[in-house]
Structure formats: C-alpha cells, structure tokens
Amino acid sequence: MKTFIILISTITLAAAQWPPPKAPAVAGADGYVEIAGAALAPTKNSTYRAIFDATRPADRATELLPALNMAGSELNALATASVPLANAKFAVVFHGPAVDGILDEAHYNAKFGTSNPNLKAIAEMKKQGVEFFVCGQYLAAEKIEPKTLVPNVTVASDALLVLIHYQNNGYALVSF
C-alpha cells in the first residue's frame, strides 16, 4: 500500500510540472503549451497556410465557435514559439449552424440572450491577417441579411468554392 501511495504521489507531481498555456495572439482561444524537444514544433522560417471550414456551432452561446477557437489556438501556438504571425496565412469560411456565431452583437444578443463571444476573437485574428468569409448560398437559403453579420466577414458566393480555392493554393483544410 505504501508503494502504491508513493507511486500515485509521484505521478501527481509529474503531471503538475507542465507550464501553463499561453495565449498571446488571441486571448479568448485555447492557449499553447511549449513542449521541449517535441517533434514538428513551430519554426520561424515556415509559412503556415490553413483554411478553417466552420460549420459547427459552439456548445454554449457563451463559447467561441470551434473553428475560431482552433484558428486562434494555432495563432497562439505560433506566437508563443516566436514565429512571426505574418507567417500564418489563415482563412475561415462560415456556413451551416456556425453562421449564428458571426451575427453582430445586437442580433446575437436577441437570439441567444448574451453577448457574442466571437466578436473579440474575430477582431484580434483580423489584426493578424486572418481572412473571414461566409457562404452566400447559405445566407440566401436561410434568408439571413448580410447586414446582421459582423462587418469583418466577407460574403462569398459559395463556401465550397472558397474551400476549393484555398486548397488549390496550398492551404491545409481544417474542419470544425
């Protein structure tokens, strides 16, 4: 029994040694923990191209959309590793239920009864050069007025064409 208690204590101590995650680029997104000696860690000389396919809503109206959280988290990873954020070539395209997350403050509050948590993250990412698009076909089908959306998002003709365009230009597809 004594050996078991010592073993459990050792495991607990080892788990407590991880540094806290850092979120220097997008404060509301998940932070990044630097892992010494990790394979494929971010490098200052690489360019990171990704198109984030945002279709899923957040679990709760007070949380970031999953695609925004992941894009922000990756910006945090690069910033924590001192990679110039100019090396991050990110775009996000919204369609389906994720479109609710890009409603302007008034329309989001009217629909969910709370402030839109995505607005600050979108503004922070826009400053880092992230491009944002919304599917015009989805807006038309759902009869959503573009003026009810945040101004930092550009209406595209079709989300799938945006995804194809970016993938044809060497961007990795990341779906959420």
N, C-alpha and C. Protein backbone atom coordinates (compact mmCIF):
# COMPACT_ATOMS: atom_id res chain seq x y z
N MET A 1 0.82 -1.19 0.00
CA MET A 1 0.00 0.00 0.00
C MET A 1 0.88 1.26 0.00
N LYS A 2 1.95 1.25 0.79
CA LYS A 2 2.85 2.39 0.87
C LYS A 2 3.47 2.67 -0.51
N THR A 3 3.86 1.62 -1.23
CA THR A 3 4.43 1.77 -2.56
C THR A 3 3.40 2.39 -3.51
N PHE A 4 2.16 1.96 -3.41
CA PHE A 4 1.09 2.49 -4.25
C PHE A 4 0.90 3.99 -3.99
N ILE A 5 0.91 4.41 -2.75
CA ILE A 5 0.74 5.83 -2.40
C ILE A 5 1.91 6.64 -2.93
N ILE A 6 3.12 6.12 -2.82
CA ILE A 6 4.30 6.83 -3.34
C ILE A 6 4.20 6.95 -4.85
N LEU A 7 3.78 5.88 -5.53
CA LEU A 7 3.63 5.90 -6.98
C LEU A 7 2.59 6.94 -7.39
N ILE A 8 1.45 6.98 -6.75
CA ILE A 8 0.41 7.95 -7.07
C ILE A 8 0.92 9.37 -6.81
N SER A 9 1.65 9.59 -5.73
CA SER A 9 2.20 10.91 -5.42
C SER A 9 3.20 11.34 -6.48
N THR A 10 4.01 10.43 -6.96
CA THR A 10 4.99 10.73 -7.99
C THR A 10 4.30 11.11 -9.30
N ILE A 11 3.28 10.36 -9.68
CA ILE A 11 2.53 10.66 -10.90
C ILE A 11 1.88 12.03 -10.79
N THR A 12 1.30 12.35 -9.65
CA THR A 12 0.67 13.64 -9.44
C THR A 12 1.68 14.76 -9.56
N LEU A 13 2.85 14.60 -8.97
CA LEU A 13 3.89 15.62 -9.05
C LEU A 13 4.36 15.81 -10.48
N ALA A 14 4.52 14.72 -11.20
CA ALA A 14 4.97 14.81 -12.58
C ALA A 14 3.95 15.56 -13.45
N ALA A 15 2.68 15.31 -13.24
CA ALA A 15 1.65 15.97 -14.02
C ALA A 15 1.59 17.46 -13.72
N ALA A 16 1.97 17.88 -12.53
CA ALA A 16 1.88 19.28 -12.14
C ALA A 16 3.02 20.12 -12.71
N GLN A 17 3.98 19.52 -13.41
CA GLN A 17 5.15 20.25 -13.89
C GLN A 17 4.97 20.91 -15.26
N TRP A 18 3.85 20.72 -15.90
CA TRP A 18 3.62 21.36 -17.19
C TRP A 18 3.44 22.86 -16.99
N PRO A 19 4.04 23.66 -17.87
CA PRO A 19 3.83 25.10 -17.76
C PRO A 19 2.40 25.45 -18.17
N PRO A 20 1.93 26.60 -17.74
CA PRO A 20 0.57 26.99 -18.14
C PRO A 20 0.52 27.34 -19.63
N PRO A 21 -0.62 27.13 -20.27
CA PRO A 21 -0.75 27.51 -21.68
C PRO A 21 -0.69 29.03 -21.84
N LYS A 22 -0.17 29.47 -23.00
CA LYS A 22 -0.07 30.89 -23.29
C LYS A 22 -0.98 31.23 -24.47
N ALA A 23 -1.59 32.40 -24.40
CA ALA A 23 -2.48 32.87 -25.47
C ALA A 23 -2.15 34.31 -25.83
N PRO A 24 -0.96 34.55 -26.40
CA PRO A 24 -0.56 35.93 -26.68
C PRO A 24 -1.22 36.57 -27.91
N ALA A 25 -1.76 35.78 -28.81
CA ALA A 25 -2.32 36.34 -30.05
C ALA A 25 -3.84 36.52 -29.97
N VAL A 26 -4.53 35.50 -29.44
CA VAL A 26 -5.99 35.53 -29.36
C VAL A 26 -6.36 35.10 -27.94
N ALA A 27 -6.61 36.07 -27.09
CA ALA A 27 -6.80 35.81 -25.66
C ALA A 27 -7.94 34.84 -25.36
N GLY A 28 -9.02 34.88 -26.11
CA GLY A 28 -10.17 34.02 -25.83
C GLY A 28 -10.05 32.60 -26.33
N ALA A 29 -9.05 32.32 -27.14
CA ALA A 29 -8.86 30.98 -27.70
C ALA A 29 -7.98 30.14 -26.77
N ASP A 30 -7.97 28.84 -26.99
CA ASP A 30 -7.12 27.96 -26.20
C ASP A 30 -5.67 28.39 -26.31
N GLY A 31 -4.98 28.30 -25.19
CA GLY A 31 -3.56 28.63 -25.16
C GLY A 31 -2.70 27.48 -25.64
N TYR A 32 -1.41 27.73 -25.71
CA TYR A 32 -0.44 26.77 -26.23
C TYR A 32 0.62 26.52 -25.17
N VAL A 33 0.94 25.25 -24.98
CA VAL A 33 1.99 24.85 -24.04
C VAL A 33 3.21 24.45 -24.85
N GLU A 34 4.32 25.14 -24.64
CA GLU A 34 5.56 24.77 -25.33
C GLU A 34 6.07 23.47 -24.74
N ILE A 35 6.44 22.54 -25.62
CA ILE A 35 6.91 21.22 -25.20
C ILE A 35 8.33 21.06 -25.73
N ALA A 36 9.29 21.10 -24.83
CA ALA A 36 10.70 21.00 -25.21
C ALA A 36 10.97 19.68 -25.94
N GLY A 37 11.67 19.78 -27.05
CA GLY A 37 12.07 18.59 -27.80
C GLY A 37 10.94 17.92 -28.57
N ALA A 38 9.79 18.55 -28.67
CA ALA A 38 8.66 17.94 -29.37
C ALA A 38 8.93 17.90 -30.88
N ALA A 39 8.43 16.86 -31.51
CA ALA A 39 8.54 16.75 -32.97
C ALA A 39 7.63 17.78 -33.63
N LEU A 40 8.08 18.30 -34.75
CA LEU A 40 7.31 19.22 -35.57
C LEU A 40 6.81 20.46 -34.83
N ALA A 41 7.62 20.98 -33.95
CA ALA A 41 7.29 22.22 -33.26
C ALA A 41 7.31 23.37 -34.28
N PRO A 42 6.59 24.45 -34.00
CA PRO A 42 6.59 25.58 -34.93
C PRO A 42 8.00 26.14 -35.15
N THR A 43 8.27 26.51 -36.39
CA THR A 43 9.58 27.09 -36.71
C THR A 43 9.40 28.47 -37.32
N LYS A 44 10.34 29.35 -37.06
CA LYS A 44 10.27 30.73 -37.51
C LYS A 44 10.38 30.89 -39.02
N ASN A 45 10.93 29.91 -39.69
CA ASN A 45 11.15 30.02 -41.13
C ASN A 45 10.06 29.36 -41.97
N SER A 46 9.05 28.81 -41.32
CA SER A 46 7.98 28.14 -42.05
C SER A 46 6.80 29.08 -42.25
N THR A 47 6.05 28.83 -43.32
CA THR A 47 4.79 29.52 -43.54
C THR A 47 3.69 28.49 -43.30
N TYR A 48 2.67 28.90 -42.58
CA TYR A 48 1.57 28.02 -42.19
C TYR A 48 0.30 28.49 -42.89
N ARG A 49 -0.19 27.68 -43.82
CA ARG A 49 -1.38 28.02 -44.60
C ARG A 49 -2.51 27.05 -44.21
N ALA A 50 -3.64 27.62 -43.79
CA ALA A 50 -4.78 26.79 -43.43
C ALA A 50 -6.08 27.51 -43.73
N ILE A 51 -7.03 26.75 -44.24
CA ILE A 51 -8.41 27.23 -44.41
C ILE A 51 -9.26 26.45 -43.42
N PHE A 52 -9.90 27.17 -42.53
CA PHE A 52 -10.73 26.57 -41.49
C PHE A 52 -12.18 26.56 -41.97
N ASP A 53 -12.75 25.36 -42.05
CA ASP A 53 -14.12 25.16 -42.50
C ASP A 53 -15.02 25.18 -41.27
N ALA A 54 -15.70 26.30 -41.04
CA ALA A 54 -16.51 26.50 -39.83
C ALA A 54 -17.96 26.13 -40.10
N THR A 55 -18.36 24.97 -39.62
CA THR A 55 -19.75 24.53 -39.78
C THR A 55 -20.44 24.29 -38.44
N ARG A 56 -19.68 23.97 -37.41
CA ARG A 56 -20.26 23.60 -36.12
C ARG A 56 -20.48 24.82 -35.23
N PRO A 57 -21.63 24.84 -34.53
CA PRO A 57 -21.84 25.91 -33.55
C PRO A 57 -21.07 25.58 -32.27
N ALA A 58 -20.96 26.55 -31.40
CA ALA A 58 -20.37 26.31 -30.09
C ALA A 58 -21.37 25.49 -29.25
N ASP A 59 -20.84 24.77 -28.27
CA ASP A 59 -21.72 24.01 -27.38
C ASP A 59 -22.64 24.92 -26.58
N ARG A 60 -22.12 26.10 -26.21
CA ARG A 60 -22.90 27.08 -25.46
C ARG A 60 -22.75 28.44 -26.13
N ALA A 61 -23.76 29.27 -26.02
CA ALA A 61 -23.76 30.58 -26.66
C ALA A 61 -22.67 31.50 -26.12
N THR A 62 -22.10 31.17 -24.96
CA THR A 62 -21.05 32.00 -24.35
C THR A 62 -19.65 31.54 -24.73
N GLU A 63 -19.54 30.54 -25.61
CA GLU A 63 -18.24 29.99 -26.02
C GLU A 63 -17.92 30.34 -27.46
N LEU A 64 -16.64 30.32 -27.77
CA LEU A 64 -16.20 30.54 -29.16
C LEU A 64 -16.66 29.41 -30.06
N LEU A 65 -16.90 29.73 -31.31
CA LEU A 65 -17.13 28.69 -32.31
C LEU A 65 -15.90 27.79 -32.36
N PRO A 66 -16.07 26.48 -32.53
CA PRO A 66 -14.91 25.59 -32.56
C PRO A 66 -13.85 25.99 -33.59
N ALA A 67 -14.24 26.41 -34.78
CA ALA A 67 -13.26 26.78 -35.80
C ALA A 67 -12.48 28.03 -35.39
N LEU A 68 -13.15 28.99 -34.78
CA LEU A 68 -12.45 30.19 -34.31
C LEU A 68 -11.50 29.85 -33.18
N ASN A 69 -11.93 28.97 -32.29
CA ASN A 69 -11.05 28.56 -31.20
C ASN A 69 -9.80 27.87 -31.74
N MET A 70 -9.96 27.01 -32.73
CA MET A 70 -8.81 26.30 -33.28
C MET A 70 -7.89 27.24 -34.06
N ALA A 71 -8.45 28.13 -34.86
CA ALA A 71 -7.61 29.09 -35.59
C ALA A 71 -6.86 29.98 -34.60
N GLY A 72 -7.56 30.45 -33.58
CA GLY A 72 -6.92 31.28 -32.55
C GLY A 72 -5.87 30.52 -31.78
N SER A 73 -6.16 29.27 -31.49
CA SER A 73 -5.21 28.42 -30.77
C SER A 73 -3.92 28.24 -31.56
N GLU A 74 -4.05 28.06 -32.86
CA GLU A 74 -2.85 27.90 -33.69
C GLU A 74 -2.08 29.20 -33.82
N LEU A 75 -2.78 30.33 -33.84
CA LEU A 75 -2.07 31.62 -33.81
C LEU A 75 -1.34 31.77 -32.48
N ASN A 76 -1.96 31.33 -31.39
CA ASN A 76 -1.29 31.36 -30.09
C ASN A 76 -0.06 30.46 -30.09
N ALA A 77 -0.15 29.30 -30.73
CA ALA A 77 1.00 28.39 -30.81
C ALA A 77 2.15 29.07 -31.53
N LEU A 78 1.86 29.68 -32.66
CA LEU A 78 2.92 30.34 -33.43
C LEU A 78 3.50 31.52 -32.67
N ALA A 79 2.65 32.33 -32.06
CA ALA A 79 3.14 33.50 -31.32
C ALA A 79 3.98 33.07 -30.11
N THR A 80 3.55 32.03 -29.42
CA THR A 80 4.30 31.54 -28.26
C THR A 80 5.69 31.06 -28.68
N ALA A 81 5.78 30.47 -29.87
CA ALA A 81 7.06 29.96 -30.37
C ALA A 81 7.85 31.05 -31.11
N SER A 82 7.43 32.29 -30.99
CA SER A 82 8.09 33.44 -31.61
C SER A 82 8.14 33.37 -33.13
N VAL A 83 7.16 32.70 -33.72
CA VAL A 83 7.02 32.68 -35.18
C VAL A 83 6.30 33.98 -35.55
N PRO A 84 6.83 34.74 -36.50
CA PRO A 84 6.12 35.96 -36.91
C PRO A 84 4.72 35.60 -37.42
N LEU A 85 3.71 36.29 -36.92
CA LEU A 85 2.35 35.95 -37.33
C LEU A 85 2.10 36.27 -38.79
N ALA A 86 2.99 37.01 -39.43
CA ALA A 86 2.90 37.19 -40.88
C ALA A 86 3.11 35.85 -41.60
N ASN A 87 3.71 34.87 -40.91
CA ASN A 87 3.91 33.53 -41.48
C ASN A 87 2.66 32.67 -41.39
N ALA A 88 1.62 33.18 -40.74
CA ALA A 88 0.35 32.46 -40.63
C ALA A 88 -0.58 33.00 -41.70
N LYS A 89 -0.89 32.18 -42.66
CA LYS A 89 -1.82 32.54 -43.73
C LYS A 89 -3.09 31.74 -43.48
N PHE A 90 -4.00 32.31 -42.71
CA PHE A 90 -5.21 31.61 -42.29
C PHE A 90 -6.44 32.28 -42.91
N ALA A 91 -7.43 31.46 -43.21
CA ALA A 91 -8.74 31.94 -43.62
C ALA A 91 -9.78 31.05 -42.96
N VAL A 92 -10.95 31.62 -42.72
CA VAL A 92 -12.06 30.88 -42.11
C VAL A 92 -13.28 31.12 -42.99
N VAL A 93 -14.00 30.05 -43.32
CA VAL A 93 -15.25 30.19 -44.06
C VAL A 93 -16.38 29.60 -43.23
N PHE A 94 -17.42 30.40 -43.02
CA PHE A 94 -18.56 30.01 -42.19
C PHE A 94 -19.73 29.59 -43.07
N HIS A 95 -20.36 28.48 -42.69
CA HIS A 95 -21.61 28.07 -43.30
C HIS A 95 -22.30 27.11 -42.35
N GLY A 96 -23.55 26.83 -42.61
CA GLY A 96 -24.30 25.97 -41.70
C GLY A 96 -24.51 26.65 -40.35
N PRO A 97 -24.70 25.85 -39.30
CA PRO A 97 -25.02 26.40 -37.98
C PRO A 97 -23.96 27.35 -37.40
N ALA A 98 -22.73 27.32 -37.91
CA ALA A 98 -21.70 28.22 -37.40
C ALA A 98 -22.00 29.69 -37.73
N VAL A 99 -22.85 29.93 -38.71
CA VAL A 99 -23.16 31.31 -39.10
C VAL A 99 -23.77 32.10 -37.94
N ASP A 100 -24.50 31.44 -37.06
CA ASP A 100 -25.05 32.14 -35.89
C ASP A 100 -23.94 32.81 -35.08
N GLY A 101 -22.77 32.25 -35.07
CA GLY A 101 -21.65 32.80 -34.30
C GLY A 101 -21.07 34.08 -34.86
N ILE A 102 -21.47 34.45 -36.08
CA ILE A 102 -20.94 35.69 -36.65
C ILE A 102 -22.03 36.75 -36.78
N LEU A 103 -23.13 36.54 -36.07
CA LEU A 103 -24.14 37.60 -36.00
C LEU A 103 -23.56 38.79 -35.26
N ASP A 104 -23.97 40.00 -35.64
CA ASP A 104 -23.49 41.17 -34.91
C ASP A 104 -24.03 41.13 -33.48
N GLU A 105 -23.53 42.03 -32.66
CA GLU A 105 -23.87 41.99 -31.23
C GLU A 105 -25.38 42.05 -30.98
N ALA A 106 -26.06 42.94 -31.63
CA ALA A 106 -27.50 43.11 -31.39
C ALA A 106 -28.28 41.85 -31.78
N HIS A 107 -27.98 41.29 -32.93
CA HIS A 107 -28.73 40.12 -33.40
C HIS A 107 -28.36 38.86 -32.60
N TYR A 108 -27.10 38.74 -32.21
CA TYR A 108 -26.68 37.60 -31.39
C TYR A 108 -27.38 37.67 -30.03
N ASN A 109 -27.37 38.84 -29.43
CA ASN A 109 -28.00 39.02 -28.11
C ASN A 109 -29.49 38.74 -28.20
N ALA A 110 -30.14 39.19 -29.26
CA ALA A 110 -31.58 38.95 -29.43
C ALA A 110 -31.87 37.45 -29.57
N LYS A 111 -30.98 36.73 -30.24
CA LYS A 111 -31.21 35.30 -30.47
C LYS A 111 -30.82 34.44 -29.26
N PHE A 112 -29.71 34.80 -28.58
CA PHE A 112 -29.19 33.94 -27.52
C PHE A 112 -29.26 34.55 -26.12
N GLY A 113 -29.59 35.83 -26.01
CA GLY A 113 -29.69 36.46 -24.70
C GLY A 113 -28.36 36.70 -24.02
N THR A 114 -27.29 36.77 -24.80
CA THR A 114 -25.95 37.01 -24.25
C THR A 114 -25.10 37.71 -25.31
N SER A 115 -24.01 38.29 -24.87
CA SER A 115 -23.07 38.92 -25.81
C SER A 115 -22.41 37.88 -26.69
N ASN A 116 -22.01 38.29 -27.88
CA ASN A 116 -21.36 37.39 -28.82
C ASN A 116 -19.88 37.25 -28.44
N PRO A 117 -19.46 36.05 -27.97
CA PRO A 117 -18.07 35.85 -27.56
C PRO A 117 -17.10 35.79 -28.73
N ASN A 118 -17.60 35.67 -29.94
CA ASN A 118 -16.75 35.52 -31.12
C ASN A 118 -16.22 36.84 -31.65
N LEU A 119 -16.86 37.94 -31.30
CA LEU A 119 -16.51 39.24 -31.88
C LEU A 119 -15.08 39.66 -31.57
N LYS A 120 -14.68 39.53 -30.32
CA LYS A 120 -13.32 39.94 -29.94
C LYS A 120 -12.28 39.05 -30.63
N ALA A 121 -12.53 37.75 -30.66
CA ALA A 121 -11.59 36.83 -31.31
C ALA A 121 -11.47 37.14 -32.80
N ILE A 122 -12.59 37.43 -33.46
CA ILE A 122 -12.55 37.77 -34.89
C ILE A 122 -11.74 39.04 -35.09
N ALA A 123 -11.96 40.05 -34.25
CA ALA A 123 -11.22 41.32 -34.37
C ALA A 123 -9.72 41.10 -34.15
N GLU A 124 -9.36 40.29 -33.14
CA GLU A 124 -7.94 40.00 -32.88
C GLU A 124 -7.31 39.26 -34.05
N MET A 125 -8.03 38.27 -34.59
CA MET A 125 -7.49 37.49 -35.70
C MET A 125 -7.40 38.32 -36.97
N LYS A 126 -8.37 39.21 -37.18
CA LYS A 126 -8.34 40.09 -38.35
C LYS A 126 -7.07 40.95 -38.32
N LYS A 127 -6.68 41.43 -37.14
CA LYS A 127 -5.45 42.21 -36.99
C LYS A 127 -4.22 41.38 -37.34
N GLN A 128 -4.31 40.06 -37.20
CA GLN A 128 -3.19 39.16 -37.51
C GLN A 128 -3.23 38.73 -38.98
N GLY A 129 -4.19 39.25 -39.75
CA GLY A 129 -4.24 38.95 -41.18
C GLY A 129 -5.16 37.81 -41.57
N VAL A 130 -5.92 37.26 -40.63
CA VAL A 130 -6.84 36.16 -40.96
C VAL A 130 -7.98 36.73 -41.81
N GLU A 131 -8.35 36.00 -42.85
CA GLU A 131 -9.46 36.38 -43.71
C GLU A 131 -10.70 35.60 -43.30
N PHE A 132 -11.86 36.25 -43.36
CA PHE A 132 -13.11 35.62 -42.97
C PHE A 132 -14.14 35.73 -44.09
N PHE A 133 -14.79 34.60 -44.37
CA PHE A 133 -15.82 34.54 -45.41
C PHE A 133 -17.06 33.84 -44.85
N VAL A 134 -18.20 34.16 -45.43
CA VAL A 134 -19.44 33.45 -45.12
C VAL A 134 -20.06 33.03 -46.44
N CYS A 135 -20.71 31.91 -46.43
CA CYS A 135 -21.32 31.34 -47.64
C CYS A 135 -22.57 32.13 -48.04
N GLY A 136 -22.52 32.76 -49.20
CA GLY A 136 -23.68 33.49 -49.70
C GLY A 136 -24.86 32.57 -49.99
N GLN A 137 -24.57 31.34 -50.43
CA GLN A 137 -25.64 30.39 -50.71
C GLN A 137 -26.41 30.05 -49.44
N TYR A 138 -25.67 29.88 -48.33
CA TYR A 138 -26.33 29.59 -47.06
C TYR A 138 -27.17 30.78 -46.61
N LEU A 139 -26.62 31.99 -46.74
CA LEU A 139 -27.38 33.18 -46.35
C LEU A 139 -28.67 33.28 -47.15
N ALA A 140 -28.59 33.03 -48.46
CA ALA A 140 -29.78 33.10 -49.31
C ALA A 140 -30.80 32.03 -48.94
N ALA A 141 -30.32 30.82 -48.73
CA ALA A 141 -31.23 29.71 -48.40
C ALA A 141 -31.94 29.93 -47.06
N GLU A 142 -31.22 30.51 -46.10
CA GLU A 142 -31.78 30.73 -44.76
C GLU A 142 -32.39 32.12 -44.61
N LYS A 143 -32.32 32.91 -45.68
CA LYS A 143 -32.86 34.28 -45.68
C LYS A 143 -32.26 35.13 -44.56
N ILE A 144 -30.94 35.07 -44.46
CA ILE A 144 -30.19 35.85 -43.47
C ILE A 144 -29.65 37.10 -44.17
N GLU A 145 -29.97 38.24 -43.64
CA GLU A 145 -29.48 39.51 -44.19
C GLU A 145 -28.00 39.69 -43.86
N PRO A 146 -27.14 39.91 -44.83
CA PRO A 146 -25.71 40.13 -44.54
C PRO A 146 -25.47 41.27 -43.55
N LYS A 147 -26.33 42.28 -43.52
CA LYS A 147 -26.14 43.41 -42.60
C LYS A 147 -26.31 43.01 -41.13
N THR A 148 -26.81 41.79 -40.86
CA THR A 148 -26.94 41.33 -39.48
C THR A 148 -25.66 40.64 -38.99
N LEU A 149 -24.66 40.55 -39.87
CA LEU A 149 -23.41 39.86 -39.54
C LEU A 149 -22.33 40.86 -39.16
N VAL A 150 -21.28 40.36 -38.52
CA VAL A 150 -20.15 41.22 -38.18
C VAL A 150 -19.53 41.77 -39.46
N PRO A 151 -19.05 43.00 -39.44
CA PRO A 151 -18.52 43.59 -40.67
C PRO A 151 -17.18 43.00 -41.13
N ASN A 152 -16.48 42.27 -40.27
CA ASN A 152 -15.17 41.71 -40.64
C ASN A 152 -15.27 40.45 -41.49
N VAL A 153 -16.48 40.04 -41.86
CA VAL A 153 -16.68 38.82 -42.63
C VAL A 153 -17.20 39.19 -44.02
N THR A 154 -16.54 38.65 -45.04
CA THR A 154 -16.90 38.93 -46.43
C THR A 154 -17.85 37.86 -46.94
N VAL A 155 -18.91 38.30 -47.62
CA VAL A 155 -19.85 37.35 -48.21
C VAL A 155 -19.22 36.79 -49.49
N ALA A 156 -19.08 35.47 -49.52
CA ALA A 156 -18.56 34.77 -50.70
C ALA A 156 -19.73 34.14 -51.45
N SER A 157 -19.53 33.83 -52.71
CA SER A 157 -20.62 33.23 -53.48
C SER A 157 -21.00 31.87 -52.93
N ASP A 158 -20.02 31.10 -52.47
CA ASP A 158 -20.29 29.72 -52.04
C ASP A 158 -19.14 29.23 -51.16
N ALA A 159 -19.44 28.65 -50.02
CA ALA A 159 -18.40 28.17 -49.10
C ALA A 159 -17.51 27.11 -49.73
N LEU A 160 -18.10 26.20 -50.48
CA LEU A 160 -17.30 25.13 -51.06
C LEU A 160 -16.31 25.66 -52.09
N LEU A 161 -16.70 26.69 -52.82
CA LEU A 161 -15.76 27.29 -53.77
C LEU A 161 -14.61 27.99 -53.04
N VAL A 162 -14.90 28.58 -51.90
CA VAL A 162 -13.84 29.18 -51.09
C VAL A 162 -12.86 28.09 -50.65
N LEU A 163 -13.40 26.98 -50.15
CA LEU A 163 -12.55 25.87 -49.70
C LEU A 163 -11.70 25.33 -50.85
N ILE A 164 -12.30 25.15 -52.01
CA ILE A 164 -11.56 24.66 -53.18
C ILE A 164 -10.47 25.64 -53.57
N HIS A 165 -10.80 26.93 -53.62
CA HIS A 165 -9.83 27.96 -53.99
C HIS A 165 -8.60 27.90 -53.08
N TYR A 166 -8.82 27.89 -51.77
CA TYR A 166 -7.69 27.90 -50.84
C TYR A 166 -6.89 26.59 -50.91
N GLN A 167 -7.58 25.47 -51.03
CA GLN A 167 -6.85 24.20 -51.13
C GLN A 167 -6.04 24.13 -52.42
N ASN A 168 -6.58 24.68 -53.50
CA ASN A 168 -5.82 24.73 -54.75
C ASN A 168 -4.57 25.60 -54.64
N ASN A 169 -4.56 26.49 -53.65
CA ASN A 169 -3.41 27.37 -53.42
C ASN A 169 -2.53 26.91 -52.27
N GLY A 170 -2.63 25.62 -51.93
CA GLY A 170 -1.71 25.04 -50.97
C GLY A 170 -2.10 25.17 -49.51
N TYR A 171 -3.33 25.54 -49.22
CA TYR A 171 -3.79 25.65 -47.84
C TYR A 171 -4.30 24.30 -47.35
N ALA A 172 -3.96 23.98 -46.12
CA ALA A 172 -4.46 22.76 -45.48
C ALA A 172 -5.91 23.00 -45.06
N LEU A 173 -6.74 21.99 -45.24
CA LEU A 173 -8.14 22.07 -44.82
C LEU A 173 -8.25 21.60 -43.37
N VAL A 174 -8.83 22.46 -42.52
CA VAL A 174 -9.08 22.13 -41.13
C VAL A 174 -10.58 22.33 -40.90
N SER A 175 -11.28 21.25 -40.57
CA SER A 175 -12.75 21.32 -40.46
C SER A 175 -13.22 21.27 -39.02
N PHE A 176 -14.13 22.19 -38.71
CA PHE A 176 -14.77 22.22 -37.39
C PHE A 176 -16.20 22.64 -37.56
